[in-house]
Amino acid sequence: MFDYDIQRWNNYHLELQYNDRKIACFAPSVSDAAQNSGIGRQLLNYTKQRLIEKGFTHIMLWGGVKCENIPALNFYLKNGFKIVAHFDYQGGNYDMLLKIV
C-alpha cells in the first residue's frame, strides 16, 4: 500500500495490518470491448491465487472505483469486494476491499 492510501484507510478504523505488507493494491483495466467476456474474472482469479501463494490476505482497489462506474462497481461486488467507505477525489469514489484468505 502507498502512504497516501494508508492515511486514508486509517480513517476507516479497520482491523487491518498495513505494516506487514499483506494487503495488495489492485488496479485492473479491461477495455470496453473486452468487458463481459470473462477476462476480468480470469485476471482477478489469477491475481488472487498468486497473492495467496505469496502470503497476502486482502486486495484493495488502488485508488478506489468511481461511484458513477456502475459496471465496474457491480463487477467488484459480484466478485466479493466490499465497499469500505466513500471518498472524494475528482468526483465520488468507493474504497473497496476483498478478503482472500
PDB file of N, CA and C in Angstrom:
ATOM      1  N   MET A   1       0.845  -1.179   0.000  1.00  0.00           N
ATOM      2  CA  MET A   1       0.000   0.000   0.000  1.00  0.00           C
ATOM      3  C   MET A   1       0.886   1.236   0.000  1.00  0.00           C
ATOM      4  N   PHE A   2       0.371   2.285  -0.574  1.00  0.00           N
ATOM      5  CA  PHE A   2       1.100   3.533  -0.625  1.00  0.00           C
ATOM      6  C   PHE A   2       0.743   4.377   0.603  1.00  0.00           C
ATOM      7  N   ASP A   3       1.650   5.284   0.976  1.00  0.00           N
ATOM      8  CA  ASP A   3       1.443   6.086   2.178  1.00  0.00           C
ATOM      9  C   ASP A   3       0.118   6.849   2.139  1.00  0.00           C
ATOM     10  N   TYR A   4      -0.229   7.421   0.974  1.00  0.00           N
ATOM     11  CA  TYR A   4      -1.481   8.183   0.904  1.00  0.00           C
ATOM     12  C   TYR A   4      -2.696   7.276   1.045  1.00  0.00           C
ATOM     13  N   ASP A   5      -2.579   6.025   0.590  1.00  0.00           N
ATOM     14  CA  ASP A   5      -3.674   5.075   0.816  1.00  0.00           C
ATOM     15  C   ASP A   5      -3.776   4.729   2.294  1.00  0.00           C
ATOM     16  N   ILE A   6      -2.645   4.486   2.921  1.00  0.00           N
ATOM     17  CA  ILE A   6      -2.647   4.131   4.342  1.00  0.00           C
ATOM     18  C   ILE A   6      -3.280   5.242   5.161  1.00  0.00           C
ATOM     19  N   GLN A   7      -2.930   6.487   4.862  1.00  0.00           N
ATOM     20  CA  GLN A   7      -3.508   7.616   5.604  1.00  0.00           C
ATOM     21  C   GLN A   7      -5.023   7.639   5.462  1.00  0.00           C
ATOM     22  N   ARG A   8      -5.516   7.458   4.255  1.00  0.00           N
ATOM     23  CA  ARG A   8      -6.968   7.479   4.031  1.00  0.00           C
ATOM     24  C   ARG A   8      -7.623   6.276   4.704  1.00  0.00           C
ATOM     25  N   TRP A   9      -7.049   5.099   4.512  1.00  0.00           N
ATOM     26  CA  TRP A   9      -7.641   3.878   5.070  1.00  0.00           C
ATOM     27  C   TRP A   9      -7.589   3.849   6.591  1.00  0.00           C
ATOM     28  N   ASN A  10      -6.581   4.485   7.199  1.00  0.00           N
ATOM     29  CA  ASN A  10      -6.524   4.544   8.667  1.00  0.00           C
ATOM     30  C   ASN A  10      -7.747   5.231   9.250  1.00  0.00           C
ATOM     31  N   ASN A  11      -8.336   6.148   8.507  1.00  0.00           N
ATOM     32  CA  ASN A  11      -9.535   6.840   8.970  1.00  0.00           C
ATOM     33  C   ASN A  11     -10.739   5.913   9.073  1.00  0.00           C
ATOM     34  N   TYR A  12     -10.673   4.740   8.448  1.00  0.00           N
ATOM     35  CA  TYR A  12     -11.805   3.814   8.451  1.00  0.00           C
ATOM     36  C   TYR A  12     -11.830   2.919   9.682  1.00  0.00           C
ATOM     37  N   HIS A  13     -10.763   2.937  10.487  1.00  0.00           N
ATOM     38  CA  HIS A  13     -10.686   2.164  11.738  1.00  0.00           C
ATOM     39  C   HIS A  13     -10.922   0.673  11.506  1.00  0.00           C
ATOM     40  N   LEU A  14     -10.304   0.134  10.471  1.00  0.00           N
ATOM     41  CA  LEU A  14     -10.399  -1.297  10.189  1.00  0.00           C
ATOM     42  C   LEU A  14      -9.309  -2.040  10.950  1.00  0.00           C
ATOM     43  N   GLU A  15      -9.557  -3.287  11.217  1.00  0.00           N
ATOM     44  CA  GLU A  15      -8.574  -4.132  11.895  1.00  0.00           C
ATOM     45  C   GLU A  15      -7.646  -4.760  10.847  1.00  0.00           C
ATOM     46  N   LEU A  16      -6.911  -3.940  10.146  1.00  0.00           N
ATOM     47  CA  LEU A  16      -6.005  -4.432   9.113  1.00  0.00           C
ATOM     48  C   LEU A  16      -4.578  -4.072   9.488  1.00  0.00           C
ATOM     49  N   GLN A  17      -3.655  -4.949   9.153  1.00  0.00           N
ATOM     50  CA  GLN A  17      -2.245  -4.728   9.452  1.00  0.00           C
ATOM     51  C   GLN A  17      -1.537  -4.219   8.196  1.00  0.00           C
ATOM     52  N   TYR A  18      -1.413  -2.910   8.052  1.00  0.00           N
ATOM     53  CA  TYR A  18      -0.803  -2.335   6.868  1.00  0.00           C
ATOM     54  C   TYR A  18       0.711  -2.563   6.834  1.00  0.00           C
ATOM     55  N   ASN A  19       1.327  -2.538   7.993  1.00  0.00           N
ATOM     56  CA  ASN A  19       2.783  -2.603   8.028  1.00  0.00           C
ATOM     57  C   ASN A  19       3.333  -3.983   7.709  1.00  0.00           C
ATOM     58  N   ASP A  20       2.526  -5.026   7.790  1.00  0.00           N
ATOM     59  CA  ASP A  20       3.049  -6.361   7.498  1.00  0.00           C
ATOM     60  C   ASP A  20       2.981  -6.683   6.005  1.00  0.00           C
ATOM     61  N   ARG A  21       2.522  -5.731   5.192  1.00  0.00           N
ATOM     62  CA  ARG A  21       2.522  -5.860   3.729  1.00  0.00           C
ATOM     63  C   ARG A  21       1.731  -7.067   3.234  1.00  0.00           C
ATOM     64  N   LYS A  22       0.601  -7.333   3.859  1.00  0.00           N
ATOM     65  CA  LYS A  22      -0.245  -8.450   3.443  1.00  0.00           C
ATOM     66  C   LYS A  22      -1.472  -7.985   2.675  1.00  0.00           C
ATOM     67  N   ILE A  23      -1.537  -6.689   2.396  1.00  0.00           N
ATOM     68  CA  ILE A  23      -2.637  -6.121   1.618  1.00  0.00           C
ATOM     69  C   ILE A  23      -2.069  -5.653   0.288  1.00  0.00           C
ATOM     70  N   ALA A  24      -2.571  -6.221  -0.792  1.00  0.00           N
ATOM     71  CA  ALA A  24      -2.081  -5.867  -2.124  1.00  0.00           C
ATOM     72  C   ALA A  24      -2.986  -4.824  -2.758  1.00  0.00           C
ATOM     73  N   CYS A  25      -2.389  -3.913  -3.493  1.00  0.00           N
ATOM     74  CA  CYS A  25      -3.140  -2.958  -4.303  1.00  0.00           C
ATOM     75  C   CYS A  25      -3.420  -3.599  -5.653  1.00  0.00           C
ATOM     76  N   PHE A  26      -4.607  -3.388  -6.149  1.00  0.00           N
ATOM     77  CA  PHE A  26      -5.037  -3.993  -7.409  1.00  0.00           C
ATOM     78  C   PHE A  26      -5.683  -2.906  -8.241  1.00  0.00           C
ATOM     79  N   ALA A  27      -5.223  -2.736  -9.471  1.00  0.00           N
ATOM     80  CA  ALA A  27      -5.766  -1.702 -10.347  1.00  0.00           C
ATOM     81  C   ALA A  27      -5.944  -2.277 -11.748  1.00  0.00           C
ATOM     82  N   PRO A  28      -6.916  -3.172 -11.913  1.00  0.00           N
ATOM     83  CA  PRO A  28      -7.096  -3.785 -13.228  1.00  0.00           C
ATOM     84  C   PRO A  28      -7.740  -2.816 -14.214  1.00  0.00           C
ATOM     85  N   SER A  29      -7.525  -3.111 -15.466  1.00  0.00           N
ATOM     86  CA  SER A  29      -8.168  -2.331 -16.519  1.00  0.00           C
ATOM     87  C   SER A  29      -8.510  -3.270 -17.666  1.00  0.00           C
ATOM     88  N   VAL A  30      -9.765  -3.307 -18.023  1.00  0.00           N
ATOM     89  CA  VAL A  30     -10.232  -4.126 -19.134  1.00  0.00           C
ATOM     90  C   VAL A  30     -10.920  -3.185 -20.112  1.00  0.00           C
ATOM     91  N   SER A  31     -10.534  -3.256 -21.371  1.00  0.00           N
ATOM     92  CA  SER A  31     -11.119  -2.358 -22.368  1.00  0.00           C
ATOM     93  C   SER A  31     -12.624  -2.563 -22.451  1.00  0.00           C
ATOM     94  N   ASP A  32     -13.318  -1.530 -22.873  1.00  0.00           N
ATOM     95  CA  ASP A  32     -14.775  -1.620 -23.024  1.00  0.00           C
ATOM     96  C   ASP A  32     -15.161  -2.790 -23.919  1.00  0.00           C
ATOM     97  N   ALA A  33     -14.396  -3.015 -24.980  1.00  0.00           N
ATOM     98  CA  ALA A  33     -14.723  -4.086 -25.931  1.00  0.00           C
ATOM     99  C   ALA A  33     -14.577  -5.475 -25.314  1.00  0.00           C
ATOM    100  N   ALA A  34     -13.715  -5.614 -24.296  1.00  0.00           N
ATOM    101  CA  ALA A  34     -13.472  -6.926 -23.687  1.00  0.00           C
ATOM    102  C   ALA A  34     -14.318  -7.159 -22.430  1.00  0.00           C
ATOM    103  N   GLN A  35     -15.076  -6.149 -22.011  1.00  0.00           N
ATOM    104  CA  GLN A  35     -15.906  -6.334 -20.828  1.00  0.00           C
ATOM    105  C   GLN A  35     -17.000  -7.351 -21.100  1.00  0.00           C
ATOM    106  N   ASN A  36     -17.402  -8.043 -20.060  1.00  0.00           N
ATOM    107  CA  ASN A  36     -18.412  -9.108 -20.115  1.00  0.00           C
ATOM    108  C   ASN A  36     -17.949 -10.319 -20.913  1.00  0.00           C
ATOM    109  N   SER A  37     -16.648 -10.461 -21.097  1.00  0.00           N
ATOM    110  CA  SER A  37     -16.103 -11.618 -21.810  1.00  0.00           C
ATOM    111  C   SER A  37     -15.531 -12.660 -20.855  1.00  0.00           C
ATOM    112  N   GLY A  38     -15.445 -12.309 -19.568  1.00  0.00           N
ATOM    113  CA  GLY A  38     -14.868 -13.221 -18.584  1.00  0.00           C
ATOM    114  C   GLY A  38     -13.399 -12.961 -18.306  1.00  0.00           C
ATOM    115  N   ILE A  39     -12.781 -12.075 -19.081  1.00  0.00           N
ATOM    116  CA  ILE A  39     -11.353 -11.831 -18.888  1.00  0.00           C
ATOM    117  C   ILE A  39     -11.070 -11.145 -17.548  1.00  0.00           C
ATOM    118  N   GLY A  40     -11.958 -10.272 -17.105  1.00  0.00           N
ATOM    119  CA  GLY A  40     -11.777  -9.609 -15.814  1.00  0.00           C
ATOM    120  C   GLY A  40     -11.799 -10.608 -14.666  1.00  0.00           C
ATOM    121  N   ARG A  41     -12.719 -11.536 -14.712  1.00  0.00           N
ATOM    122  CA  ARG A  41     -12.799 -12.567 -13.669  1.00  0.00           C
ATOM    123  C   ARG A  41     -11.554 -13.456 -13.702  1.00  0.00           C
ATOM    124  N   GLN A  42     -11.094 -13.796 -14.912  1.00  0.00           N
ATOM    125  CA  GLN A  42      -9.879 -14.610 -15.028  1.00  0.00           C
ATOM    126  C   GLN A  42      -8.674 -13.871 -14.448  1.00  0.00           C
ATOM    127  N   LEU A  43      -8.573 -12.581 -14.752  1.00  0.00           N
ATOM    128  CA  LEU A  43      -7.486 -11.762 -14.213  1.00  0.00           C
ATOM    129  C   LEU A  43      -7.546 -11.713 -12.692  1.00  0.00           C
ATOM    130  N   LEU A  44      -8.727 -11.499 -12.155  1.00  0.00           N
ATOM    131  CA  LEU A  44      -8.878 -11.442 -10.706  1.00  0.00           C
ATOM    132  C   LEU A  44      -8.541 -12.781 -10.068  1.00  0.00           C
ATOM    133  N   ASN A  45      -9.040 -13.876 -10.609  1.00  0.00           N
ATOM    134  CA  ASN A  45      -8.765 -15.197 -10.036  1.00  0.00           C
ATOM    135  C   ASN A  45      -7.282 -15.536 -10.087  1.00  0.00           C
ATOM    136  N   TYR A  46      -6.638 -15.238 -11.201  1.00  0.00           N
ATOM    137  CA  TYR A  46      -5.194 -15.468 -11.319  1.00  0.00           C
ATOM    138  C   TYR A  46      -4.443 -14.645 -10.275  1.00  0.00           C
ATOM    139  N   THR A  47      -4.805 -13.380 -10.166  1.00  0.00           N
ATOM    140  CA  THR A  47      -4.151 -12.487  -9.217  1.00  0.00           C
ATOM    141  C   THR A  47      -4.350 -12.976  -7.787  1.00  0.00           C
ATOM    142  N   LYS A  48      -5.561 -13.371  -7.447  1.00  0.00           N
ATOM    143  CA  LYS A  48      -5.826 -13.881  -6.092  1.00  0.00           C
ATOM    144  C   LYS A  48      -4.933 -15.072  -5.770  1.00  0.00           C
ATOM    145  N   GLN A  49      -4.830 -16.023  -6.685  1.00  0.00           N
ATOM    146  CA  GLN A  49      -4.016 -17.213  -6.438  1.00  0.00           C
ATOM    147  C   GLN A  49      -2.543 -16.863  -6.232  1.00  0.00           C
ATOM    148  N   ARG A  50      -2.013 -15.975  -7.053  1.00  0.00           N
ATOM    149  CA  ARG A  50      -0.606 -15.588  -6.895  1.00  0.00           C
ATOM    150  C   ARG A  50      -0.397 -14.862  -5.570  1.00  0.00           C
ATOM    151  N   LEU A  51      -1.339 -14.014  -5.177  1.00  0.00           N
ATOM    152  CA  LEU A  51      -1.198 -13.284  -3.917  1.00  0.00           C
ATOM    153  C   LEU A  51      -1.305 -14.215  -2.715  1.00  0.00           C
ATOM    154  N   ILE A  52      -2.208 -15.171  -2.764  1.00  0.00           N
ATOM    155  CA  ILE A  52      -2.331 -16.148  -1.678  1.00  0.00           C
ATOM    156  C   ILE A  52      -1.018 -16.916  -1.525  1.00  0.00           C
ATOM    157  N   GLU A  53      -0.431 -17.329  -2.644  1.00  0.00           N
ATOM    158  CA  GLU A  53       0.847 -18.044  -2.615  1.00  0.00           C
ATOM    159  C   GLU A  53       1.944 -17.215  -1.956  1.00  0.00           C
ATOM    160  N   LYS A  54       1.852 -15.890  -2.072  1.00  0.00           N
ATOM    161  CA  LYS A  54       2.862 -15.003  -1.510  1.00  0.00           C
ATOM    162  C   LYS A  54       2.517 -14.511  -0.114  1.00  0.00           C
ATOM    163  N   GLY A  55       1.409 -15.014   0.455  1.00  0.00           N
ATOM    164  CA  GLY A  55       1.070 -14.692   1.837  1.00  0.00           C
ATOM    165  C   GLY A  55       0.198 -13.472   2.041  1.00  0.00           C
ATOM    166  N   PHE A  56      -0.381 -12.929   0.974  1.00  0.00           N
ATOM    167  CA  PHE A  56      -1.275 -11.784   1.126  1.00  0.00           C
ATOM    168  C   PHE A  56      -2.633 -12.245   1.655  1.00  0.00           C
ATOM    169  N   THR A  57      -3.316 -11.361   2.349  1.00  0.00           N
ATOM    170  CA  THR A  57      -4.615 -11.692   2.944  1.00  0.00           C
ATOM    171  C   THR A  57      -5.770 -10.894   2.360  1.00  0.00           C
ATOM    172  N   HIS A  58      -5.475  -9.734   1.760  1.00  0.00           N
ATOM    173  CA  HIS A  58      -6.513  -8.845   1.252  1.00  0.00           C
ATOM    174  C   HIS A  58      -6.063  -8.188  -0.049  1.00  0.00           C
ATOM    175  N   ILE A  59      -7.043  -7.793  -0.838  1.00  0.00           N
ATOM    176  CA  ILE A  59      -6.809  -6.964  -2.015  1.00  0.00           C
ATOM    177  C   ILE A  59      -7.642  -5.700  -1.855  1.00  0.00           C
ATOM    178  N   MET A  60      -6.991  -4.557  -2.005  1.00  0.00           N
ATOM    179  CA  MET A  60      -7.721  -3.290  -2.016  1.00  0.00           C
ATOM    180  C   MET A  60      -7.633  -2.709  -3.412  1.00  0.00           C
ATOM    181  N   LEU A  61      -8.681  -2.041  -3.820  1.00  0.00           N
ATOM    182  CA  LEU A  61      -8.649  -1.376  -5.122  1.00  0.00           C
ATOM    183  C   LEU A  61      -7.800  -0.118  -4.999  1.00  0.00           C
ATOM    184  N   TRP A  62      -6.773  -0.058  -5.802  1.00  0.00           N
ATOM    185  CA  TRP A  62      -5.866   1.082  -5.780  1.00  0.00           C
ATOM    186  C   TRP A  62      -6.607   2.306  -6.306  1.00  0.00           C
ATOM    187  N   GLY A  63      -6.784   3.282  -5.460  1.00  0.00           N
ATOM    188  CA  GLY A  63      -7.488   4.498  -5.846  1.00  0.00           C
ATOM    189  C   GLY A  63      -8.997   4.358  -5.849  1.00  0.00           C
ATOM    190  N   GLY A  64      -9.512   3.211  -5.430  1.00  0.00           N
ATOM    191  CA  GLY A  64     -10.954   3.000  -5.371  1.00  0.00           C
ATOM    192  C   GLY A  64     -11.571   2.866  -6.752  1.00  0.00           C
ATOM    193  N   VAL A  65     -12.882   2.946  -6.771  1.00  0.00           N
ATOM    194  CA  VAL A  65     -13.630   2.874  -8.035  1.00  0.00           C
ATOM    195  C   VAL A  65     -14.586   4.061  -8.063  1.00  0.00           C
ATOM    196  N   LYS A  66     -14.713   4.674  -9.214  1.00  0.00           N
ATOM    197  CA  LYS A  66     -15.627   5.812  -9.353  1.00  0.00           C
ATOM    198  C   LYS A  66     -17.059   5.370  -9.076  1.00  0.00           C
ATOM    199  N   CYS A  67     -17.783   6.126  -8.292  1.00  0.00           N
ATOM    200  CA  CYS A  67     -19.179   5.808  -7.966  1.00  0.00           C
ATOM    201  C   CYS A  67     -20.030   5.700  -9.225  1.00  0.00           C
ATOM    202  N   GLU A  68     -19.707   6.490 -10.224  1.00  0.00           N
ATOM    203  CA  GLU A  68     -20.504   6.505 -11.454  1.00  0.00           C
ATOM    204  C   GLU A  68     -20.184   5.335 -12.387  1.00  0.00           C
ATOM    205  N   ASN A  69     -19.130   4.589 -12.085  1.00  0.00           N
ATOM    206  CA  ASN A  69     -18.729   3.460 -12.933  1.00  0.00           C
ATOM    207  C   ASN A  69     -19.494   2.210 -12.485  1.00  0.00           C
ATOM    208  N   ILE A  70     -20.767   2.177 -12.792  1.00  0.00           N
ATOM    209  CA  ILE A  70     -21.661   1.106 -12.336  1.00  0.00           C
ATOM    210  C   ILE A  70     -21.204  -0.274 -12.801  1.00  0.00           C
ATOM    211  N   PRO A  71     -20.769  -0.451 -14.057  1.00  0.00           N
ATOM    212  CA  PRO A  71     -20.303  -1.785 -14.455  1.00  0.00           C
ATOM    213  C   PRO A  71     -19.131  -2.284 -13.597  1.00  0.00           C
ATOM    214  N   ALA A  72     -18.161  -1.415 -13.329  1.00  0.00           N
ATOM    215  CA  ALA A  72     -17.016  -1.816 -12.501  1.00  0.00           C
ATOM    216  C   ALA A  72     -17.462  -2.095 -11.071  1.00  0.00           C
ATOM    217  N   LEU A  73     -18.289  -1.232 -10.530  1.00  0.00           N
ATOM    218  CA  LEU A  73     -18.793  -1.419  -9.172  1.00  0.00           C
ATOM    219  C   LEU A  73     -19.519  -2.755  -9.052  1.00  0.00           C
ATOM    220  N   ASN A  74     -20.377  -3.054  -9.999  1.00  0.00           N
ATOM    221  CA  ASN A  74     -21.099  -4.335  -9.977  1.00  0.00           C
ATOM    222  C   ASN A  74     -20.151  -5.520 -10.108  1.00  0.00           C
ATOM    223  N   PHE A  75     -19.130  -5.395 -10.941  1.00  0.00           N
ATOM    224  CA  PHE A  75     -18.142  -6.464 -11.093  1.00  0.00           C
ATOM    225  C   PHE A  75     -17.474  -6.762  -9.750  1.00  0.00           C
ATOM    226  N   TYR A  76     -17.005  -5.720  -9.076  1.00  0.00           N
ATOM    227  CA  TYR A  76     -16.306  -5.931  -7.812  1.00  0.00           C
ATOM    228  C   TYR A  76     -17.231  -6.507  -6.748  1.00  0.00           C
ATOM    229  N   LEU A  77     -18.432  -5.990  -6.659  1.00  0.00           N
ATOM    230  CA  LEU A  77     -19.381  -6.524  -5.675  1.00  0.00           C
ATOM    231  C   LEU A  77     -19.701  -7.991  -5.970  1.00  0.00           C
ATOM    232  N   LYS A  78     -19.902  -8.323  -7.226  1.00  0.00           N
ATOM    233  CA  LYS A  78     -20.216  -9.693  -7.608  1.00  0.00           C
ATOM    234  C   LYS A  78     -19.060 -10.646  -7.291  1.00  0.00           C
ATOM    235  N   ASN A  79     -17.855 -10.116  -7.261  1.00  0.00           N
ATOM    236  CA  ASN A  79     -16.680 -10.938  -7.008  1.00  0.00           C
ATOM    237  C   ASN A  79     -16.172 -10.831  -5.573  1.00  0.00           C
ATOM    238  N   GLY A  80     -17.045 -10.379  -4.671  1.00  0.00           N
ATOM    239  CA  GLY A  80     -16.742 -10.449  -3.248  1.00  0.00           C
ATOM    240  C   GLY A  80     -16.139  -9.227  -2.602  1.00  0.00           C
ATOM    241  N   PHE A  81     -15.848  -8.183  -3.373  1.00  0.00           N
ATOM    242  CA  PHE A  81     -15.328  -6.959  -2.764  1.00  0.00           C
ATOM    243  C   PHE A  81     -16.429  -6.299  -1.935  1.00  0.00           C
ATOM    244  N   LYS A  82     -16.026  -5.665  -0.866  1.00  0.00           N
ATOM    245  CA  LYS A  82     -16.948  -4.922  -0.010  1.00  0.00           C
ATOM    246  C   LYS A  82     -16.608  -3.437  -0.089  1.00  0.00           C
ATOM    247  N   ILE A  83     -17.634  -2.611  -0.082  1.00  0.00           N
ATOM    248  CA  ILE A  83     -17.424  -1.165  -0.014  1.00  0.00           C
ATOM    249  C   ILE A  83     -17.035  -0.824   1.410  1.00  0.00           C
ATOM    250  N   VAL A  84     -15.898  -0.169   1.555  1.00  0.00           N
ATOM    251  CA  VAL A  84     -15.394   0.201   2.873  1.00  0.00           C
ATOM    252  C   VAL A  84     -15.801   1.628   3.219  1.00  0.00           C
ATOM    253  N   ALA A  85     -15.698   2.517   2.235  1.00  0.00           N
ATOM    254  CA  ALA A  85     -16.009   3.922   2.505  1.00  0.00           C
ATOM    255  C   ALA A  85     -16.112   4.682   1.193  1.00  0.00           C
ATOM    256  N   HIS A  86     -16.647   5.876   1.295  1.00  0.00           N
ATOM    257  CA  HIS A  86     -16.754   6.807   0.179  1.00  0.00           C
ATOM    258  C   HIS A  86     -15.731   7.918   0.403  1.00  0.00           C
ATOM    259  N   PHE A  87     -15.068   8.347  -0.685  1.00  0.00           N
ATOM    260  CA  PHE A  87     -14.180   9.499  -0.576  1.00  0.00           C
ATOM    261  C   PHE A  87     -14.292  10.309  -1.859  1.00  0.00           C
ATOM    262  N   ASP A  88     -13.930  11.575  -1.753  1.00  0.00           N
ATOM    263  CA  ASP A  88     -13.983  12.468  -2.904  1.00  0.00           C
ATOM    264  C   ASP A  88     -12.591  12.731  -3.427  1.00  0.00           C
ATOM    265  N   TYR A  89     -12.401  12.455  -4.696  1.00  0.00           N
ATOM    266  CA  TYR A  89     -11.190  12.806  -5.423  1.00  0.00           C
ATOM    267  C   TYR A  89     -11.583  12.849  -6.890  1.00  0.00           C
ATOM    268  N   GLN A  90     -11.631  14.030  -7.434  1.00  0.00           N
ATOM    269  CA  GLN A  90     -12.102  14.218  -8.809  1.00  0.00           C
ATOM    270  C   GLN A  90     -13.449  13.527  -8.998  1.00  0.00           C
ATOM    271  N   GLY A  91     -14.323  13.735  -8.047  1.00  0.00           N
ATOM    272  CA  GLY A  91     -15.636  13.098  -8.031  1.00  0.00           C
ATOM    273  C   GLY A  91     -15.708  12.062  -6.921  1.00  0.00           C
ATOM    274  N   GLY A  92     -16.856  11.404  -6.827  1.00  0.00           N
ATOM    275  CA  GLY A  92     -17.052  10.410  -5.775  1.00  0.00           C
ATOM    276  C   GLY A  92     -16.418   9.077  -6.122  1.00  0.00           C
ATOM    277  N   ASN A  93     -15.875   8.433  -5.104  1.00  0.00           N
ATOM    278  CA  ASN A  93     -15.209   7.141  -5.260  1.00  0.00           C
ATOM    279  C   ASN A  93     -15.541   6.259  -4.066  1.00  0.00           C
ATOM    280  N   TYR A  94     -15.473   4.959  -4.278  1.00  0.00           N
ATOM    281  CA  TYR A  94     -15.592   3.992  -3.185  1.00  0.00           C
ATOM    282  C   TYR A  94     -14.266   3.274  -3.006  1.00  0.00           C
ATOM    283  N   ASP A  95     -13.820   3.180  -1.769  1.00  0.00           N
ATOM    284  CA  ASP A  95     -12.729   2.277  -1.438  1.00  0.00           C
ATOM    285  C   ASP A  95     -13.354   0.913  -1.244  1.00  0.00           C
ATOM    286  N   MET A  96     -12.729  -0.111  -1.839  1.00  0.00           N
ATOM    287  CA  MET A  96     -13.266  -1.460  -1.770  1.00  0.00           C
ATOM    288  C   MET A  96     -12.159  -2.430  -1.376  1.00  0.00           C
ATOM    289  N   LEU A  97     -12.555  -3.485  -0.664  1.00  0.00           N
ATOM    290  CA  LEU A  97     -11.596  -4.446  -0.124  1.00  0.00           C
ATOM    291  C   LEU A  97     -12.144  -5.856  -0.310  1.00  0.00           C
ATOM    292  N   LEU A  98     -11.228  -6.776  -0.622  1.00  0.00           N
ATOM    293  CA  LEU A  98     -11.569  -8.188  -0.774  1.00  0.00           C
ATOM    294  C   LEU A  98     -10.677  -9.002   0.132  1.00  0.00           C
ATOM    295  N   LYS A  99     -11.279  -9.792   1.026  1.00  0.00           N
ATOM    296  CA  LYS A  99     -10.506 -10.725   1.851  1.00  0.00           C
ATOM    297  C   LYS A  99     -10.304 -11.985   1.022  1.00  0.00           C
ATOM    298  N   ILE A 100      -9.026 -12.413   0.872  1.00  0.00           N
ATOM    299  CA  ILE A 100      -8.751 -13.575   0.027  1.00  0.00           C
ATOM    300  C   ILE A 100      -8.366 -14.819   0.828  1.00  0.00           C
ATOM    301  N   VAL A 101      -8.049 -14.673   2.098  1.00  0.00           N
ATOM    302  CA  VAL A 101      -7.818 -15.847   2.962  1.00  0.00           C
ATOM    303  C   VAL A 101      -8.443 -15.598   4.320  1.00  0.00           C
TER     304      VAL A 101
END
